[in-house]
C-alpha atoms as a PDB file:
ATOM      1  CA  MET A   1      99.057 185.659 154.795  1.00  0.00           C
ATOM      2  CA  PHE A   2     100.872 188.801 153.496  1.00  0.00           C
ATOM      3  CA  LEU A   3     101.615 189.799 149.911  1.00  0.00           C
ATOM      4  CA  THR A   4     105.177 189.109 148.859  1.00  0.00           C
ATOM      5  CA  GLN A   5     107.414 192.024 147.917  1.00  0.00           C
ATOM      6  CA  GLN A   6     106.927 191.131 144.250  1.00  0.00           C
ATOM      7  CA  GLU A   7     103.141 190.987 144.637  1.00  0.00           C
ATOM      8  CA  LEU A   8     103.202 194.372 146.331  1.00  0.00           C
ATOM      9  CA  ARG A   9     105.229 195.742 143.398  1.00  0.00           C
ATOM     10  CA  ASP A  10     102.722 194.209 140.991  1.00  0.00           C
ATOM     11  CA  LEU A  11      99.775 195.710 142.894  1.00  0.00           C
ATOM     12  CA  THR A  12     101.195 199.217 143.195  1.00  0.00           C
ATOM     13  CA  GLY A  13     103.405 199.342 140.130  1.00  0.00           C
ATOM     14  CA  LEU A  14     106.088 200.825 142.376  1.00  0.00           C
ATOM     15  CA  LYS A  15     109.402 199.542 143.719  1.00  0.00           C
ATOM     16  CA  ARG A  16     110.289 201.882 146.615  1.00  0.00           C
ATOM     17  CA  SER A  17     108.585 201.213 149.945  1.00  0.00           C
ATOM     18  CA  SER A  18     107.809 204.905 150.515  1.00  0.00           C
ATOM     19  CA  ALA A  19     106.087 205.127 147.131  1.00  0.00           C
ATOM     20  CA  GLN A  20     104.170 201.904 147.809  1.00  0.00           C
ATOM     21  CA  ILE A  21     102.990 203.297 151.149  1.00  0.00           C
ATOM     22  CA  ARG A  22     101.800 206.498 149.485  1.00  0.00           C
ATOM     23  CA  TRP A  23      99.944 204.452 146.831  1.00  0.00           C
ATOM     24  CA  LEU A  24      98.330 202.233 149.462  1.00  0.00           C
ATOM     25  CA  VAL A  25      97.164 205.281 151.441  1.00  0.00           C
ATOM     26  CA  ASP A  26      95.875 207.057 148.325  1.00  0.00           C
ATOM     27  CA  ASN A  27      93.942 203.946 147.296  1.00  0.00           C
ATOM     28  CA  GLY A  28      92.508 203.180 150.722  1.00  0.00           C
ATOM     29  CA  PHE A  29      94.278 199.890 151.454  1.00  0.00           C
ATOM     30  CA  LYS A  30      94.878 199.001 155.100  1.00  0.00           C
ATOM     31  CA  PHE A  31      98.421 197.879 155.882  1.00  0.00           C
ATOM     32  CA  LEU A  32     101.108 197.659 158.535  1.00  0.00           C
ATOM     33  CA  ILE A  33     104.697 198.840 158.323  1.00  0.00           C
ATOM     34  CA  ASP A  34     107.367 196.338 159.358  1.00  0.00           C
ATOM     35  CA  ALA A  35     110.520 197.055 161.374  1.00  0.00           C
ATOM     36  CA  VAL A  36     112.512 198.041 158.278  1.00  0.00           C
ATOM     37  CA  GLY A  37     109.834 200.367 156.865  1.00  0.00           C
ATOM     38  CA  ARG A  38     108.209 198.089 154.300  1.00  0.00           C
ATOM     39  CA  PRO A  39     104.426 197.953 153.976  1.00  0.00           C
ATOM     40  CA  LYS A  40     102.758 194.658 154.854  1.00  0.00           C
ATOM     41  CA  VAL A  41      99.377 194.034 153.226  1.00  0.00           C
ATOM     42  CA  LEU A  42      97.213 191.065 154.110  1.00  0.00           C
ATOM     43  CA  ARG A  43      96.357 188.984 151.073  1.00  0.00           C
ATOM     44  CA  SER A  44      92.729 188.851 152.282  1.00  0.00           C
ATOM     45  CA  VAL A  45      92.541 192.673 152.203  1.00  0.00           C
ATOM     46  CA  VAL A  46      93.496 192.720 148.533  1.00  0.00           C
ATOM     47  CA  GLU A  47      91.209 189.820 147.632  1.00  0.00           C
ATOM     48  CA  ASN A  48      88.267 191.439 149.416  1.00  0.00           C
ATOM     49  CA  ARG A  49      88.989 194.789 147.783  1.00  0.00           C
ATOM     50  CA  LEU A  50      89.081 193.256 144.303  1.00  0.00           C
ATOM     51  CA  GLU A  51      85.847 191.350 144.928  1.00  0.00           C
ATOM     52  CA  ASN A  52      84.082 194.388 146.438  1.00  0.00           C
ATOM     53  CA  PRO A  53      85.598 197.589 145.059  1.00  0.00           C
ATOM     54  CA  PRO A  54      84.661 200.822 146.864  1.00  0.00           C
ATOM     55  CA  ARG A  55      82.059 202.978 145.192  1.00  0.00           C
ATOM     56  CA  SER A  56      83.367 206.330 144.108  1.00  0.00           C
ATOM     57  CA  LYS A  57      81.490 209.584 144.577  1.00  0.00           C
ATOM     58  CA  SER A  58      81.193 209.956 140.816  1.00  0.00           C
ATOM     59  CA  THR A  59      79.555 206.530 140.530  1.00  0.00           C
ATOM     60  CA  ASN A  60      77.077 207.437 143.261  1.00  0.00           C
ATOM     61  CA  TRP A  61      76.352 210.788 141.607  1.00  0.00           C
ATOM     62  CA  ILE A  62      75.712 209.133 138.240  1.00  0.00           C
ATOM     63  CA  GLU A  63      73.410 206.540 139.781  1.00  0.00           C
ATOM     64  CA  GLU A  64      71.464 209.136 141.776  1.00  0.00           C
ATOM     65  CA  ASN A  65      70.974 211.365 138.750  1.00  0.00           C
ATOM     66  CA  LEU A  66      70.151 208.470 136.472  1.00  0.00           C
ATOM     67  CA  ASN A  67      67.539 207.236 138.939  1.00  0.00           C
ATOM     68  CA  HIS A  68      66.111 210.749 139.137  1.00  0.00           C
ATOM     69  CA  TRP A  69      65.733 211.006 135.370  1.00  0.00           C
ATOM     70  CA  LEU A  70      64.395 207.501 134.951  1.00  0.00           C
ATOM     71  CA  ARG A  71      61.662 207.907 137.577  1.00  0.00           C
ATOM     72  CA  LYS A  72      58.240 208.169 136.106  1.00  0.00           C
ATOM     73  CA  PRO A  73      56.118 211.095 137.362  1.00  0.00           C
END
């Protein structure tokens, strides 16, 4: 159901809970915080995120401009 503490360390590359929380927020992952202050991330959230990564603004900008230049008059 939830990632283990080791899996959360592997995902974030960080050991401290506060740093993991900051990383999760910065990277747009939804999570809960347990009674002792540790982030809890559903395994399905991570799996879905890896299967369907969010599109960044730069990717959208590149695609829009590429489509503009590739359009035939």
